Amino acid sequence: MYTDKNKFLIIGSICSALAALVHLGCIIFGGNWYRFFGAGEQMAKMAENGHWYPTVVTLVIVLILSVWSLYALSGARVIFKMPFLRLGLVLISAIYLIRSLAFVSIMPMFPENSLTFWLVSSGITFTIGLLYAIGTFQVWSHFSSESAQL
C-alpha cells in the first residue's frame, strides 16, 4: 500500500488555505483589502457601506478554497479520503489552470483591475494549478491500485 505524503499536493493545500485566509481577511478588514486584492471598487464600497453581498460572495469563495485545500490533503494522504477524490483533484487543477490562462477573457469584466493584478493573480493561480496537477498525476496510479484492492 502506498503511504508516502505527496509534497506537491501538500504545498497546493497550503496555498489554497492561504488564499482562503486572504479572502477571510477581506471580510474582516473591509474595503481596503478588497481593493488591494483586486475585488474592485464596487465590492470595496459595498463592504464599506455594510452591504451583505461582498461578505456572502467572499464567504462562498472561502468555503470553496477550504474544501479544495482538504481535497489536496486527502490526495496527499494527510487526512481521510474525500469523496470523488480523483475527480475533485482533476477539476480543482483544471479550474486553477483555466483561471490562470483565461485572464485575458476575464479582464473586460473587471476594468478597474490593473494589468499587474491580472499578471500576478494569474501567475499565482497557474502555480497552484500546477501543484495540484503534478501532485494528482503522481498519485493517480495509487488511486487505481487502491480501487482494485477494495
N, C-alpha and C. Protein backbone atom coordinates (compact mmCIF):
# COMPACT_ATOMS: atom_id res chain seq x y z
N MET A 1 0.84 -1.18 0.00
CA MET A 1 0.00 0.00 0.00
C MET A 1 0.89 1.25 0.00
N TYR A 2 0.49 2.25 -0.76
CA TYR A 2 1.23 3.50 -0.90
C TYR A 2 0.97 4.38 0.32
N THR A 3 2.05 4.84 0.99
CA THR A 3 1.85 5.64 2.19
C THR A 3 2.60 6.96 2.19
N ASP A 4 3.41 7.23 1.17
CA ASP A 4 4.15 8.50 1.14
C ASP A 4 3.19 9.67 1.00
N LYS A 5 3.56 10.76 1.63
CA LYS A 5 2.79 12.00 1.51
C LYS A 5 3.25 12.74 0.26
N ASN A 6 2.33 13.26 -0.52
CA ASN A 6 2.66 13.95 -1.76
C ASN A 6 2.93 15.42 -1.47
N LYS A 7 4.18 15.84 -1.67
CA LYS A 7 4.59 17.20 -1.33
C LYS A 7 3.90 18.25 -2.20
N PHE A 8 3.67 17.94 -3.48
CA PHE A 8 3.02 18.90 -4.37
C PHE A 8 1.60 19.20 -3.89
N LEU A 9 0.88 18.16 -3.50
CA LEU A 9 -0.49 18.38 -3.01
C LEU A 9 -0.50 19.06 -1.65
N ILE A 10 0.48 18.77 -0.82
CA ILE A 10 0.55 19.45 0.48
C ILE A 10 0.80 20.94 0.28
N ILE A 11 1.73 21.28 -0.60
CA ILE A 11 2.00 22.70 -0.87
C ILE A 11 0.80 23.36 -1.52
N GLY A 12 0.14 22.64 -2.45
CA GLY A 12 -1.08 23.16 -3.07
C GLY A 12 -2.16 23.41 -2.03
N SER A 13 -2.28 22.50 -1.08
CA SER A 13 -3.26 22.67 0.00
C SER A 13 -2.96 23.91 0.83
N ILE A 14 -1.69 24.10 1.14
CA ILE A 14 -1.29 25.29 1.92
C ILE A 14 -1.63 26.56 1.14
N CYS A 15 -1.36 26.55 -0.16
CA CYS A 15 -1.67 27.72 -1.00
C CYS A 15 -3.17 28.01 -1.02
N SER A 16 -3.98 26.97 -1.17
CA SER A 16 -5.43 27.16 -1.16
C SER A 16 -5.90 27.68 0.19
N ALA A 17 -5.32 27.14 1.27
CA ALA A 17 -5.69 27.59 2.61
C ALA A 17 -5.29 29.06 2.82
N LEU A 18 -4.11 29.43 2.34
CA LEU A 18 -3.69 30.83 2.45
C LEU A 18 -4.60 31.75 1.65
N ALA A 19 -5.01 31.30 0.46
CA ALA A 19 -5.94 32.09 -0.34
C ALA A 19 -7.27 32.25 0.39
N ALA A 20 -7.72 31.18 1.06
CA ALA A 20 -8.95 31.27 1.85
C ALA A 20 -8.79 32.28 2.98
N LEU A 21 -7.64 32.27 3.64
CA LEU A 21 -7.40 33.22 4.72
C LEU A 21 -7.35 34.66 4.23
N VAL A 22 -6.76 34.88 3.06
CA VAL A 22 -6.73 36.23 2.49
C VAL A 22 -8.15 36.71 2.21
N HIS A 23 -8.97 35.83 1.68
CA HIS A 23 -10.37 36.20 1.42
C HIS A 23 -11.10 36.49 2.73
N LEU A 24 -10.83 35.69 3.75
CA LEU A 24 -11.42 35.95 5.06
C LEU A 24 -10.95 37.30 5.59
N GLY A 25 -9.69 37.63 5.34
CA GLY A 25 -9.16 38.94 5.73
C GLY A 25 -9.91 40.08 5.07
N CYS A 26 -10.35 39.87 3.83
CA CYS A 26 -11.14 40.91 3.15
C CYS A 26 -12.43 41.20 3.91
N ILE A 27 -13.06 40.14 4.40
CA ILE A 27 -14.29 40.32 5.16
C ILE A 27 -13.99 41.06 6.47
N ILE A 28 -12.94 40.66 7.14
CA ILE A 28 -12.61 41.23 8.44
C ILE A 28 -12.12 42.68 8.32
N PHE A 29 -11.24 42.93 7.36
CA PHE A 29 -10.58 44.24 7.27
C PHE A 29 -11.21 45.19 6.27
N GLY A 30 -12.18 44.72 5.50
CA GLY A 30 -13.01 45.62 4.72
C GLY A 30 -12.48 46.10 3.38
N GLY A 31 -12.98 47.27 3.02
CA GLY A 31 -12.80 47.84 1.69
C GLY A 31 -11.38 47.91 1.19
N ASN A 32 -10.45 48.32 2.02
CA ASN A 32 -9.06 48.44 1.57
C ASN A 32 -8.48 47.09 1.16
N TRP A 33 -8.86 46.05 1.88
CA TRP A 33 -8.39 44.71 1.50
C TRP A 33 -9.03 44.26 0.19
N TYR A 34 -10.32 44.52 0.04
CA TYR A 34 -10.98 44.19 -1.23
C TYR A 34 -10.28 44.90 -2.39
N ARG A 35 -9.95 46.17 -2.19
CA ARG A 35 -9.25 46.93 -3.24
C ARG A 35 -7.88 46.34 -3.53
N PHE A 36 -7.11 46.14 -2.47
CA PHE A 36 -5.73 45.68 -2.63
C PHE A 36 -5.67 44.33 -3.35
N PHE A 37 -6.60 43.44 -3.01
CA PHE A 37 -6.56 42.10 -3.60
C PHE A 37 -7.37 42.00 -4.89
N GLY A 38 -7.84 43.14 -5.40
CA GLY A 38 -8.39 43.18 -6.75
C GLY A 38 -9.86 42.87 -6.90
N ALA A 39 -10.63 42.97 -5.84
CA ALA A 39 -12.06 42.69 -5.96
C ALA A 39 -12.81 43.81 -6.67
N GLY A 40 -12.18 44.96 -6.78
CA GLY A 40 -12.81 46.08 -7.48
C GLY A 40 -13.40 47.10 -6.54
N GLU A 41 -13.56 48.28 -7.08
CA GLU A 41 -14.05 49.41 -6.29
C GLU A 41 -15.49 49.20 -5.82
N GLN A 42 -16.31 48.60 -6.68
CA GLN A 42 -17.71 48.39 -6.31
C GLN A 42 -17.83 47.48 -5.09
N MET A 43 -17.08 46.36 -5.08
CA MET A 43 -17.12 45.45 -3.92
C MET A 43 -16.57 46.16 -2.69
N ALA A 44 -15.50 46.93 -2.86
CA ALA A 44 -14.91 47.64 -1.72
C ALA A 44 -15.90 48.62 -1.12
N LYS A 45 -16.58 49.38 -1.97
CA LYS A 45 -17.56 50.35 -1.46
C LYS A 45 -18.75 49.66 -0.79
N MET A 46 -19.22 48.57 -1.39
CA MET A 46 -20.33 47.84 -0.75
C MET A 46 -19.90 47.34 0.63
N ALA A 47 -18.67 46.82 0.74
CA ALA A 47 -18.17 46.34 2.03
C ALA A 47 -18.10 47.48 3.04
N GLU A 48 -17.61 48.62 2.59
CA GLU A 48 -17.51 49.79 3.48
C GLU A 48 -18.88 50.28 3.93
N ASN A 49 -19.88 50.09 3.09
CA ASN A 49 -21.24 50.52 3.43
C ASN A 49 -22.03 49.45 4.19
N GLY A 50 -21.37 48.34 4.52
CA GLY A 50 -22.03 47.29 5.30
C GLY A 50 -23.00 46.44 4.51
N HIS A 51 -22.91 46.45 3.19
CA HIS A 51 -23.79 45.64 2.37
C HIS A 51 -23.45 44.17 2.55
N TRP A 52 -24.44 43.30 2.49
CA TRP A 52 -24.24 41.86 2.72
C TRP A 52 -23.54 41.16 1.56
N TYR A 53 -23.67 41.66 0.35
CA TYR A 53 -23.21 40.95 -0.85
C TYR A 53 -21.71 40.60 -0.82
N PRO A 54 -20.80 41.54 -0.54
CA PRO A 54 -19.38 41.16 -0.52
C PRO A 54 -19.06 40.06 0.49
N THR A 55 -19.70 40.14 1.64
CA THR A 55 -19.45 39.13 2.67
C THR A 55 -19.90 37.75 2.21
N VAL A 56 -21.09 37.66 1.66
CA VAL A 56 -21.62 36.36 1.22
C VAL A 56 -20.77 35.78 0.08
N VAL A 57 -20.48 36.61 -0.92
CA VAL A 57 -19.68 36.13 -2.06
C VAL A 57 -18.30 35.67 -1.57
N THR A 58 -17.70 36.45 -0.70
CA THR A 58 -16.37 36.13 -0.21
C THR A 58 -16.40 34.89 0.67
N LEU A 59 -17.44 34.72 1.48
CA LEU A 59 -17.56 33.50 2.30
C LEU A 59 -17.71 32.26 1.43
N VAL A 60 -18.42 32.37 0.33
CA VAL A 60 -18.54 31.23 -0.60
C VAL A 60 -17.16 30.88 -1.15
N ILE A 61 -16.39 31.89 -1.52
CA ILE A 61 -15.03 31.64 -2.02
C ILE A 61 -14.17 31.01 -0.93
N VAL A 62 -14.27 31.49 0.31
CA VAL A 62 -13.53 30.92 1.43
C VAL A 62 -13.89 29.44 1.59
N LEU A 63 -15.16 29.13 1.52
CA LEU A 63 -15.61 27.75 1.65
C LEU A 63 -15.04 26.87 0.54
N ILE A 64 -15.13 27.35 -0.69
CA ILE A 64 -14.62 26.58 -1.84
C ILE A 64 -13.12 26.33 -1.69
N LEU A 65 -12.36 27.39 -1.41
CA LEU A 65 -10.92 27.23 -1.27
C LEU A 65 -10.55 26.31 -0.10
N SER A 66 -11.33 26.35 0.95
CA SER A 66 -11.08 25.46 2.10
C SER A 66 -11.33 24.00 1.73
N VAL A 67 -12.40 23.76 1.01
CA VAL A 67 -12.69 22.38 0.55
C VAL A 67 -11.58 21.92 -0.39
N TRP A 68 -11.14 22.80 -1.29
CA TRP A 68 -10.05 22.44 -2.20
C TRP A 68 -8.78 22.11 -1.42
N SER A 69 -8.52 22.84 -0.37
CA SER A 69 -7.37 22.55 0.47
C SER A 69 -7.49 21.15 1.09
N LEU A 70 -8.68 20.82 1.57
CA LEU A 70 -8.92 19.49 2.14
C LEU A 70 -8.74 18.40 1.10
N TYR A 71 -9.19 18.65 -0.13
CA TYR A 71 -9.02 17.65 -1.19
C TYR A 71 -7.54 17.39 -1.46
N ALA A 72 -6.74 18.45 -1.46
CA ALA A 72 -5.30 18.26 -1.67
C ALA A 72 -4.69 17.46 -0.53
N LEU A 73 -5.07 17.76 0.70
CA LEU A 73 -4.56 16.99 1.84
C LEU A 73 -5.01 15.54 1.77
N SER A 74 -6.22 15.32 1.31
CA SER A 74 -6.72 13.96 1.16
C SER A 74 -5.93 13.21 0.09
N GLY A 75 -5.71 13.86 -1.04
CA GLY A 75 -4.92 13.23 -2.10
C GLY A 75 -3.49 12.98 -1.68
N ALA A 76 -2.96 13.83 -0.81
CA ALA A 76 -1.60 13.68 -0.30
C ALA A 76 -1.52 12.64 0.82
N ARG A 77 -2.64 12.09 1.22
CA ARG A 77 -2.73 11.09 2.29
C ARG A 77 -2.37 11.64 3.66
N VAL A 78 -2.76 12.89 3.88
CA VAL A 78 -2.53 13.51 5.18
C VAL A 78 -3.79 13.37 6.03
N ILE A 79 -4.95 13.39 5.37
CA ILE A 79 -6.23 13.23 6.07
C ILE A 79 -7.02 12.11 5.39
N PHE A 80 -8.22 11.87 5.88
CA PHE A 80 -9.12 10.85 5.37
C PHE A 80 -9.40 11.03 3.87
N LYS A 81 -9.88 9.97 3.24
CA LYS A 81 -10.17 10.03 1.81
C LYS A 81 -11.50 10.75 1.58
N MET A 82 -11.41 11.82 0.80
CA MET A 82 -12.60 12.61 0.46
C MET A 82 -13.37 11.89 -0.65
N PRO A 83 -14.70 12.12 -0.73
CA PRO A 83 -15.48 11.51 -1.81
C PRO A 83 -15.07 12.06 -3.17
N PHE A 84 -15.10 11.20 -4.18
CA PHE A 84 -14.78 11.59 -5.56
C PHE A 84 -13.41 12.27 -5.64
N LEU A 85 -12.44 11.70 -4.93
CA LEU A 85 -11.13 12.34 -4.79
C LEU A 85 -10.44 12.57 -6.14
N ARG A 86 -10.40 11.57 -6.98
CA ARG A 86 -9.75 11.73 -8.29
C ARG A 86 -10.40 12.86 -9.09
N LEU A 87 -11.71 12.77 -9.22
CA LEU A 87 -12.45 13.77 -9.99
C LEU A 87 -12.25 15.16 -9.37
N GLY A 88 -12.33 15.24 -8.06
CA GLY A 88 -12.16 16.52 -7.38
C GLY A 88 -10.80 17.14 -7.67
N LEU A 89 -9.75 16.36 -7.56
CA LEU A 89 -8.40 16.89 -7.80
C LEU A 89 -8.21 17.31 -9.26
N VAL A 90 -8.77 16.55 -10.17
CA VAL A 90 -8.67 16.91 -11.60
C VAL A 90 -9.42 18.22 -11.86
N LEU A 91 -10.62 18.34 -11.32
CA LEU A 91 -11.40 19.57 -11.53
C LEU A 91 -10.75 20.78 -10.88
N ILE A 92 -10.22 20.60 -9.68
CA ILE A 92 -9.56 21.71 -9.00
C ILE A 92 -8.34 22.16 -9.80
N SER A 93 -7.54 21.20 -10.25
CA SER A 93 -6.38 21.53 -11.08
C SER A 93 -6.81 22.31 -12.31
N ALA A 94 -7.86 21.81 -12.97
CA ALA A 94 -8.34 22.44 -14.21
C ALA A 94 -8.86 23.85 -13.96
N ILE A 95 -9.60 24.04 -12.89
CA ILE A 95 -10.16 25.36 -12.59
C ILE A 95 -9.03 26.36 -12.33
N TYR A 96 -8.06 25.98 -11.52
CA TYR A 96 -6.92 26.88 -11.28
C TYR A 96 -6.20 27.21 -12.59
N LEU A 97 -5.92 26.19 -13.40
CA LEU A 97 -5.18 26.42 -14.64
C LEU A 97 -5.99 27.22 -15.65
N ILE A 98 -7.27 26.92 -15.78
CA ILE A 98 -8.11 27.69 -16.71
C ILE A 98 -8.20 29.13 -16.27
N ARG A 99 -8.39 29.36 -14.96
CA ARG A 99 -8.44 30.74 -14.46
C ARG A 99 -7.15 31.49 -14.79
N SER A 100 -6.03 30.81 -14.65
CA SER A 100 -4.75 31.48 -14.89
C SER A 100 -4.55 31.81 -16.37
N LEU A 101 -5.01 30.95 -17.25
CA LEU A 101 -4.79 31.14 -18.68
C LEU A 101 -5.88 31.96 -19.36
N ALA A 102 -7.06 32.03 -18.75
CA ALA A 102 -8.19 32.73 -19.37
C ALA A 102 -8.32 34.17 -18.88
N PHE A 103 -7.30 34.68 -18.21
CA PHE A 103 -7.44 36.02 -17.63
C PHE A 103 -7.72 37.08 -18.68
N VAL A 104 -7.22 36.90 -19.89
CA VAL A 104 -7.46 37.89 -20.95
C VAL A 104 -8.95 37.99 -21.25
N SER A 105 -9.65 36.87 -21.19
CA SER A 105 -11.09 36.87 -21.43
C SER A 105 -11.87 37.45 -20.26
N ILE A 106 -11.32 37.32 -19.07
CA ILE A 106 -12.00 37.79 -17.85
C ILE A 106 -11.77 39.29 -17.62
N MET A 107 -10.64 39.80 -18.09
CA MET A 107 -10.27 41.20 -17.82
C MET A 107 -11.36 42.22 -18.11
N PRO A 108 -12.09 42.13 -19.23
CA PRO A 108 -13.11 43.15 -19.50
C PRO A 108 -14.23 43.21 -18.46
N MET A 109 -14.44 42.12 -17.72
CA MET A 109 -15.49 42.12 -16.70
C MET A 109 -15.07 42.92 -15.46
N PHE A 110 -13.77 43.18 -15.33
CA PHE A 110 -13.23 43.90 -14.18
C PHE A 110 -12.28 44.98 -14.67
N PRO A 111 -12.80 46.01 -15.33
CA PRO A 111 -11.92 47.01 -15.96
C PRO A 111 -11.09 47.84 -14.97
N GLU A 112 -11.51 47.85 -13.70
CA GLU A 112 -10.75 48.65 -12.72
C GLU A 112 -9.48 47.95 -12.26
N ASN A 113 -9.33 46.66 -12.57
CA ASN A 113 -8.12 45.95 -12.15
C ASN A 113 -6.98 46.21 -13.12
N SER A 114 -5.80 46.39 -12.58
CA SER A 114 -4.63 46.70 -13.40
C SER A 114 -4.08 45.45 -14.07
N LEU A 115 -3.27 45.67 -15.08
CA LEU A 115 -2.59 44.56 -15.75
C LEU A 115 -1.68 43.83 -14.75
N THR A 116 -1.08 44.58 -13.85
CA THR A 116 -0.22 43.97 -12.82
C THR A 116 -1.04 42.99 -11.98
N PHE A 117 -2.25 43.40 -11.57
CA PHE A 117 -3.10 42.50 -10.80
C PHE A 117 -3.34 41.20 -11.58
N TRP A 118 -3.69 41.32 -12.85
CA TRP A 118 -4.01 40.15 -13.66
C TRP A 118 -2.80 39.25 -13.84
N LEU A 119 -1.65 39.82 -14.06
CA LEU A 119 -0.44 39.01 -14.26
C LEU A 119 -0.04 38.31 -12.96
N VAL A 120 -0.10 39.03 -11.85
CA VAL A 120 0.28 38.43 -10.56
C VAL A 120 -0.72 37.36 -10.16
N SER A 121 -2.01 37.68 -10.21
CA SER A 121 -3.02 36.69 -9.77
C SER A 121 -3.03 35.48 -10.71
N SER A 122 -2.81 35.70 -11.98
CA SER A 122 -2.77 34.57 -12.92
C SER A 122 -1.53 33.72 -12.70
N GLY A 123 -0.42 34.35 -12.37
CA GLY A 123 0.78 33.60 -12.03
C GLY A 123 0.60 32.74 -10.80
N ILE A 124 -0.09 33.30 -9.81
CA ILE A 124 -0.35 32.56 -8.58
C ILE A 124 -1.28 31.38 -8.86
N THR A 125 -2.38 31.62 -9.57
CA THR A 125 -3.31 30.52 -9.83
C THR A 125 -2.68 29.47 -10.74
N PHE A 126 -1.80 29.89 -11.67
CA PHE A 126 -1.11 28.92 -12.52
C PHE A 126 -0.19 28.03 -11.68
N THR A 127 0.53 28.64 -10.76
CA THR A 127 1.43 27.88 -9.89
C THR A 127 0.65 26.89 -9.03
N ILE A 128 -0.44 27.34 -8.44
CA ILE A 128 -1.25 26.44 -7.61
C ILE A 128 -1.85 25.33 -8.48
N GLY A 129 -2.33 25.68 -9.66
CA GLY A 129 -2.87 24.67 -10.57
C GLY A 129 -1.83 23.63 -10.94
N LEU A 130 -0.61 24.07 -11.18
CA LEU A 130 0.47 23.12 -11.48
C LEU A 130 0.76 22.21 -10.29
N LEU A 131 0.77 22.78 -9.10
CA LEU A 131 0.99 21.96 -7.90
C LEU A 131 -0.07 20.86 -7.80
N TYR A 132 -1.32 21.23 -7.98
CA TYR A 132 -2.41 20.25 -7.93
C TYR A 132 -2.28 19.24 -9.06
N ALA A 133 -1.99 19.71 -10.28
CA ALA A 133 -1.91 18.81 -11.43
C ALA A 133 -0.75 17.82 -11.30
N ILE A 134 0.42 18.31 -10.92
CA ILE A 134 1.57 17.43 -10.76
C ILE A 134 1.32 16.44 -9.63
N GLY A 135 0.83 16.94 -8.50
CA GLY A 135 0.54 16.06 -7.37
C GLY A 135 -0.50 15.00 -7.73
N THR A 136 -1.54 15.41 -8.44
CA THR A 136 -2.58 14.47 -8.85
C THR A 136 -2.00 13.42 -9.79
N PHE A 137 -1.19 13.85 -10.74
CA PHE A 137 -0.55 12.92 -11.67
C PHE A 137 0.31 11.91 -10.91
N GLN A 138 1.04 12.38 -9.92
CA GLN A 138 1.92 11.50 -9.17
C GLN A 138 1.16 10.44 -8.37
N VAL A 139 -0.01 10.77 -7.86
CA VAL A 139 -0.75 9.80 -7.03
C VAL A 139 -1.82 9.05 -7.82
N TRP A 140 -1.98 9.38 -9.09
CA TRP A 140 -3.06 8.81 -9.89
C TRP A 140 -3.07 7.28 -9.87
N SER A 141 -1.93 6.68 -10.10
CA SER A 141 -1.89 5.21 -10.15
C SER A 141 -2.18 4.59 -8.80
N HIS A 142 -1.90 5.30 -7.75
CA HIS A 142 -2.18 4.78 -6.41
C HIS A 142 -3.67 4.74 -6.12
N PHE A 143 -4.41 5.68 -6.72
CA PHE A 143 -5.88 5.64 -6.60
C PHE A 143 -6.39 4.39 -7.28
N SER A 144 -5.85 4.06 -8.46
CA SER A 144 -6.30 2.91 -9.24
C SER A 144 -6.02 1.62 -8.50
N SER A 145 -4.82 1.47 -7.95
CA SER A 145 -4.49 0.24 -7.26
C SER A 145 -5.31 0.05 -6.00
N GLU A 146 -5.65 1.14 -5.33
CA GLU A 146 -6.49 1.04 -4.14
C GLU A 146 -7.89 0.58 -4.50
N SER A 147 -8.44 1.13 -5.60
CA SER A 147 -9.79 0.75 -6.01
C SER A 147 -9.85 -0.73 -6.35
N ALA A 148 -8.80 -1.25 -6.96
CA ALA A 148 -8.77 -2.66 -7.33
C ALA A 148 -8.71 -3.55 -6.10
N GLN A 149 -8.10 -3.07 -5.01
CA GLN A 149 -7.95 -3.86 -3.80
C GLN A 149 -9.24 -3.88 -2.96
N LEU A 150 -10.09 -2.88 -3.16
CA LEU A 150 -11.31 -2.80 -2.34
C LEU A 150 -12.35 -3.80 -2.74
